[in-house]
């Protein structure tokens, strides 16, 4: 992998992270926010793999597995919370849910 390939991969990773962050901030549905968070987490995972490949270091792949595990745990907890909130309030709009107290 050349230096220009690494720069291209880092730009792509930054773009994925920015799209995911925008999705988390702009969407109101919790399910869509979870999907956007997954996209945001894929950006740093791609950056770790690209940096590891550029430096011929397997630690990048190890960090990718760590990010993948973190994303899977986040989805499991997020979906459990989504189902509980959906049953309690009947909606998945995060603005309406944030007004709930107690």
N, C-alpha and C. Protein backbone atom coordinates (compact mmCIF):
# COMPACT_ATOMS: atom_id res chain seq x y z
N UNK A 1 0.86 -1.17 0.00
CA UNK A 1 0.00 0.00 0.00
C UNK A 1 0.90 1.24 0.00
N UNK A 2 0.59 2.16 -0.88
CA UNK A 2 1.39 3.38 -0.98
C UNK A 2 0.83 4.46 -0.06
N UNK A 3 1.57 5.55 0.04
CA UNK A 3 1.11 6.65 0.88
C UNK A 3 -0.15 7.30 0.35
N UNK A 4 -0.29 7.37 -0.97
CA UNK A 4 -1.50 7.97 -1.53
C UNK A 4 -2.72 7.07 -1.30
N UNK A 5 -2.50 5.76 -1.30
CA UNK A 5 -3.60 4.84 -0.97
C UNK A 5 -4.06 5.03 0.47
N UNK A 6 -3.07 5.22 1.36
CA UNK A 6 -3.41 5.44 2.77
C UNK A 6 -4.20 6.73 2.95
N UNK A 7 -3.78 7.77 2.25
CA UNK A 7 -4.50 9.04 2.35
C UNK A 7 -5.92 8.89 1.82
N UNK A 8 -6.09 8.18 0.71
CA UNK A 8 -7.43 7.94 0.18
C UNK A 8 -8.30 7.16 1.15
N UNK A 9 -7.72 6.16 1.78
CA UNK A 9 -8.49 5.36 2.75
C UNK A 9 -8.84 6.19 3.98
N UNK A 10 -7.94 7.06 4.41
CA UNK A 10 -8.22 7.92 5.57
C UNK A 10 -9.32 8.92 5.24
N UNK A 11 -9.31 9.45 4.02
CA UNK A 11 -10.38 10.37 3.61
C UNK A 11 -11.71 9.64 3.57
N UNK A 12 -11.71 8.42 3.04
CA UNK A 12 -12.93 7.62 3.03
C UNK A 12 -13.41 7.31 4.44
N UNK A 13 -12.48 6.99 5.33
CA UNK A 13 -12.84 6.71 6.73
C UNK A 13 -13.41 7.95 7.40
N UNK A 14 -12.79 9.09 7.14
CA UNK A 14 -13.32 10.34 7.72
C UNK A 14 -14.70 10.65 7.16
N UNK A 15 -14.90 10.38 5.87
CA UNK A 15 -16.22 10.60 5.28
C UNK A 15 -17.28 9.70 5.89
N UNK A 16 -16.94 8.44 6.09
CA UNK A 16 -17.89 7.52 6.73
C UNK A 16 -18.24 7.98 8.14
N UNK A 17 -17.21 8.42 8.87
CA UNK A 17 -17.46 8.89 10.24
C UNK A 17 -18.33 10.14 10.23
N UNK A 18 -18.07 11.06 9.30
CA UNK A 18 -18.86 12.30 9.23
C UNK A 18 -20.30 12.00 8.85
N UNK A 19 -20.51 11.09 7.90
CA UNK A 19 -21.88 10.72 7.51
C UNK A 19 -22.62 10.09 8.68
N UNK A 20 -21.93 9.21 9.40
CA UNK A 20 -22.56 8.57 10.55
C UNK A 20 -22.87 9.56 11.66
N UNK A 21 -21.95 10.48 11.91
CA UNK A 21 -22.18 11.49 12.95
C UNK A 21 -23.35 12.39 12.57
N UNK A 22 -23.41 12.77 11.29
CA UNK A 22 -24.54 13.58 10.82
C UNK A 22 -25.85 12.82 10.98
N UNK A 23 -25.81 11.53 10.69
CA UNK A 23 -27.02 10.72 10.83
C UNK A 23 -27.48 10.62 12.27
N UNK A 24 -26.54 10.50 13.19
CA UNK A 24 -26.91 10.42 14.61
C UNK A 24 -27.54 11.73 15.06
N UNK A 25 -26.97 12.84 14.60
CA UNK A 25 -27.47 14.14 15.04
C UNK A 25 -28.74 14.56 14.32
N UNK A 26 -28.92 14.15 13.08
CA UNK A 26 -30.05 14.65 12.29
C UNK A 26 -31.30 13.78 12.40
N UNK A 27 -31.16 12.49 12.58
CA UNK A 27 -32.32 11.61 12.58
C UNK A 27 -32.98 11.62 13.95
N UNK A 28 -34.29 11.47 13.97
CA UNK A 28 -35.03 11.46 15.23
C UNK A 28 -35.39 10.05 15.67
N UNK A 29 -35.50 9.13 14.73
CA UNK A 29 -35.84 7.76 15.09
C UNK A 29 -34.64 7.05 15.69
N UNK A 30 -34.88 6.36 16.78
CA UNK A 30 -33.78 5.69 17.48
C UNK A 30 -33.16 4.60 16.62
N UNK A 31 -33.98 3.89 15.87
CA UNK A 31 -33.46 2.82 15.02
C UNK A 31 -32.51 3.38 13.95
N UNK A 32 -32.88 4.50 13.36
CA UNK A 32 -32.02 5.13 12.35
C UNK A 32 -30.75 5.69 12.99
N UNK A 33 -30.87 6.16 14.22
CA UNK A 33 -29.68 6.64 14.92
C UNK A 33 -28.72 5.49 15.20
N UNK A 34 -29.25 4.31 15.50
CA UNK A 34 -28.38 3.14 15.71
C UNK A 34 -27.67 2.75 14.42
N UNK A 35 -28.39 2.80 13.31
CA UNK A 35 -27.77 2.48 12.02
C UNK A 35 -26.69 3.51 11.68
N UNK A 36 -26.98 4.78 11.93
CA UNK A 36 -26.00 5.83 11.67
C UNK A 36 -24.78 5.68 12.57
N UNK A 37 -24.99 5.23 13.79
CA UNK A 37 -23.86 5.00 14.70
C UNK A 37 -22.98 3.86 14.20
N UNK A 38 -23.60 2.86 13.60
CA UNK A 38 -22.82 1.77 13.01
C UNK A 38 -21.97 2.28 11.85
N UNK A 39 -22.55 3.16 11.03
CA UNK A 39 -21.78 3.74 9.93
C UNK A 39 -20.64 4.58 10.49
N UNK A 40 -20.92 5.32 11.56
CA UNK A 40 -19.87 6.15 12.17
C UNK A 40 -18.75 5.28 12.73
N UNK A 41 -19.07 4.13 13.28
CA UNK A 41 -18.03 3.25 13.84
C UNK A 41 -17.24 2.55 12.74
N UNK A 42 -17.82 2.40 11.57
CA UNK A 42 -17.09 1.73 10.49
C UNK A 42 -15.96 2.61 9.95
N UNK A 43 -16.06 3.91 10.11
CA UNK A 43 -15.00 4.82 9.66
C UNK A 43 -13.69 4.58 10.40
N UNK A 44 -13.67 4.66 11.72
CA UNK A 44 -12.43 4.37 12.45
C UNK A 44 -11.94 2.93 12.25
N UNK A 45 -12.86 1.99 12.09
CA UNK A 45 -12.44 0.60 11.84
C UNK A 45 -11.67 0.51 10.53
N UNK A 46 -12.17 1.19 9.49
CA UNK A 46 -11.47 1.21 8.21
C UNK A 46 -10.12 1.91 8.34
N UNK A 47 -10.06 2.96 9.13
CA UNK A 47 -8.79 3.66 9.33
C UNK A 47 -7.78 2.77 10.03
N UNK A 48 -8.21 1.99 11.02
CA UNK A 48 -7.29 1.08 11.71
C UNK A 48 -6.75 0.02 10.76
N UNK A 49 -7.62 -0.54 9.92
CA UNK A 49 -7.17 -1.57 8.98
C UNK A 49 -6.21 -0.98 7.96
N UNK A 50 -6.53 0.22 7.45
CA UNK A 50 -5.66 0.85 6.45
C UNK A 50 -4.30 1.20 7.05
N UNK A 51 -4.29 1.75 8.26
CA UNK A 51 -3.02 2.10 8.90
C UNK A 51 -2.21 0.85 9.21
N UNK A 52 -2.88 -0.21 9.63
CA UNK A 52 -2.18 -1.46 9.90
C UNK A 52 -1.59 -2.06 8.64
N UNK A 53 -2.31 -1.97 7.53
CA UNK A 53 -1.80 -2.49 6.27
C UNK A 53 -0.64 -1.64 5.76
N UNK A 54 -0.71 -0.34 5.96
CA UNK A 54 0.36 0.55 5.49
C UNK A 54 1.66 0.29 6.27
N UNK A 55 1.55 0.09 7.55
CA UNK A 55 2.73 -0.12 8.39
C UNK A 55 3.09 -1.60 8.52
N UNK A 56 2.34 -2.47 7.85
CA UNK A 56 2.55 -3.92 7.92
C UNK A 56 2.55 -4.40 9.37
N UNK A 57 1.57 -3.90 10.11
CA UNK A 57 1.45 -4.20 11.53
C UNK A 57 0.07 -4.85 11.77
N UNK A 58 0.02 -6.01 12.38
CA UNK A 58 -1.28 -6.66 12.60
C UNK A 58 -2.11 -6.01 13.71
N UNK A 59 -1.58 -5.03 14.40
CA UNK A 59 -2.36 -4.37 15.45
C UNK A 59 -3.57 -3.63 14.88
N UNK A 60 -3.49 -3.20 13.64
CA UNK A 60 -4.64 -2.55 13.00
C UNK A 60 -5.81 -3.50 12.87
N UNK A 61 -5.52 -4.73 12.52
CA UNK A 61 -6.58 -5.73 12.42
C UNK A 61 -7.13 -6.08 13.80
N UNK A 62 -6.26 -6.07 14.80
CA UNK A 62 -6.72 -6.31 16.17
C UNK A 62 -7.65 -5.21 16.64
N UNK A 63 -7.31 -3.97 16.29
CA UNK A 63 -8.19 -2.86 16.66
C UNK A 63 -9.51 -2.94 15.91
N UNK A 64 -9.48 -3.43 14.66
CA UNK A 64 -10.71 -3.62 13.90
C UNK A 64 -11.62 -4.63 14.60
N UNK A 65 -11.04 -5.70 15.08
CA UNK A 65 -11.85 -6.70 15.79
C UNK A 65 -12.43 -6.09 17.07
N UNK A 66 -11.64 -5.26 17.75
CA UNK A 66 -12.14 -4.58 18.95
C UNK A 66 -13.31 -3.66 18.61
N UNK A 67 -13.17 -2.89 17.53
CA UNK A 67 -14.26 -1.98 17.11
C UNK A 67 -15.48 -2.79 16.69
N UNK A 68 -15.27 -3.89 16.00
CA UNK A 68 -16.38 -4.74 15.58
C UNK A 68 -17.12 -5.32 16.78
N UNK A 69 -16.38 -5.74 17.79
CA UNK A 69 -16.99 -6.25 19.02
C UNK A 69 -17.76 -5.16 19.74
N UNK A 70 -17.17 -3.99 19.81
CA UNK A 70 -17.85 -2.85 20.44
C UNK A 70 -19.13 -2.50 19.70
N UNK A 71 -19.09 -2.52 18.38
CA UNK A 71 -20.28 -2.21 17.59
C UNK A 71 -21.37 -3.26 17.81
N UNK A 72 -20.99 -4.52 17.90
CA UNK A 72 -21.99 -5.58 18.13
C UNK A 72 -22.63 -5.42 19.50
N UNK A 73 -21.84 -5.10 20.51
CA UNK A 73 -22.40 -4.88 21.84
C UNK A 73 -23.30 -3.66 21.87
N UNK A 74 -22.89 -2.61 21.16
CA UNK A 74 -23.70 -1.40 21.10
C UNK A 74 -25.05 -1.67 20.43
N UNK A 75 -25.04 -2.46 19.38
CA UNK A 75 -26.29 -2.78 18.70
C UNK A 75 -27.19 -3.62 19.60
N UNK A 76 -26.62 -4.57 20.31
CA UNK A 76 -27.43 -5.42 21.19
C UNK A 76 -28.09 -4.60 22.29
N UNK A 77 -27.33 -3.76 22.94
CA UNK A 77 -27.90 -2.92 24.01
C UNK A 77 -28.86 -1.89 23.42
N UNK A 78 -28.50 -1.30 22.30
CA UNK A 78 -29.37 -0.30 21.68
C UNK A 78 -30.69 -0.87 21.23
N UNK A 79 -30.68 -2.04 20.62
CA UNK A 79 -31.94 -2.65 20.20
C UNK A 79 -32.80 -3.06 21.38
N UNK A 80 -32.18 -3.53 22.46
CA UNK A 80 -32.95 -3.86 23.66
C UNK A 80 -33.61 -2.61 24.23
N UNK A 81 -32.86 -1.51 24.29
CA UNK A 81 -33.43 -0.26 24.77
C UNK A 81 -34.52 0.25 23.83
N UNK A 82 -34.29 0.11 22.52
CA UNK A 82 -35.28 0.56 21.54
C UNK A 82 -36.59 -0.19 21.72
N UNK A 83 -36.52 -1.51 21.87
CA UNK A 83 -37.75 -2.30 22.04
C UNK A 83 -38.47 -1.94 23.33
N UNK A 84 -37.72 -1.72 24.40
CA UNK A 84 -38.33 -1.37 25.68
C UNK A 84 -39.00 0.00 25.61
N UNK A 85 -38.31 0.97 25.02
CA UNK A 85 -38.87 2.31 24.90
C UNK A 85 -40.07 2.31 23.97
N UNK A 86 -40.00 1.54 22.92
CA UNK A 86 -41.11 1.47 21.96
C UNK A 86 -42.35 0.88 22.62
N UNK A 87 -42.17 -0.12 23.45
CA UNK A 87 -43.32 -0.71 24.15
C UNK A 87 -43.88 0.24 25.19
N UNK A 88 -43.00 0.99 25.86
CA UNK A 88 -43.45 1.89 26.92
C UNK A 88 -44.15 3.12 26.37
N UNK A 89 -43.51 3.77 25.39
CA UNK A 89 -44.05 5.04 24.92
C UNK A 89 -44.85 4.92 23.63
N UNK A 90 -44.65 3.86 22.87
CA UNK A 90 -45.39 3.68 21.63
C UNK A 90 -44.81 4.45 20.46
N UNK A 91 -43.66 5.06 20.62
CA UNK A 91 -43.03 5.82 19.53
C UNK A 91 -41.53 5.58 19.56
N UNK A 92 -40.89 5.90 18.45
CA UNK A 92 -39.43 5.80 18.42
C UNK A 92 -38.78 7.15 18.16
N UNK A 93 -39.54 8.22 18.31
CA UNK A 93 -39.02 9.57 18.13
C UNK A 93 -38.25 9.98 19.38
N UNK A 94 -36.97 10.27 19.21
CA UNK A 94 -36.14 10.57 20.38
C UNK A 94 -36.51 11.91 21.01
N UNK A 95 -37.10 12.83 20.26
CA UNK A 95 -37.52 14.10 20.85
C UNK A 95 -38.68 13.90 21.81
N UNK A 96 -39.63 13.04 21.46
CA UNK A 96 -40.76 12.78 22.35
C UNK A 96 -40.30 12.00 23.57
N UNK A 97 -39.40 11.07 23.36
CA UNK A 97 -38.93 10.24 24.46
C UNK A 97 -38.11 11.06 25.45
N UNK A 98 -37.38 12.07 24.97
CA UNK A 98 -36.56 12.86 25.88
C UNK A 98 -37.42 13.69 26.82
N UNK A 99 -38.68 13.90 26.50
CA UNK A 99 -39.57 14.64 27.38
C UNK A 99 -40.14 13.80 28.49
N UNK A 100 -39.92 12.49 28.45
CA UNK A 100 -40.44 11.60 29.49
C UNK A 100 -39.60 11.75 30.75
N UNK A 101 -40.24 11.80 31.87
CA UNK A 101 -39.55 11.90 33.16
C UNK A 101 -39.91 10.68 34.00
N UNK A 102 -38.96 10.28 34.83
CA UNK A 102 -39.19 9.19 35.77
C UNK A 102 -39.10 7.92 35.13
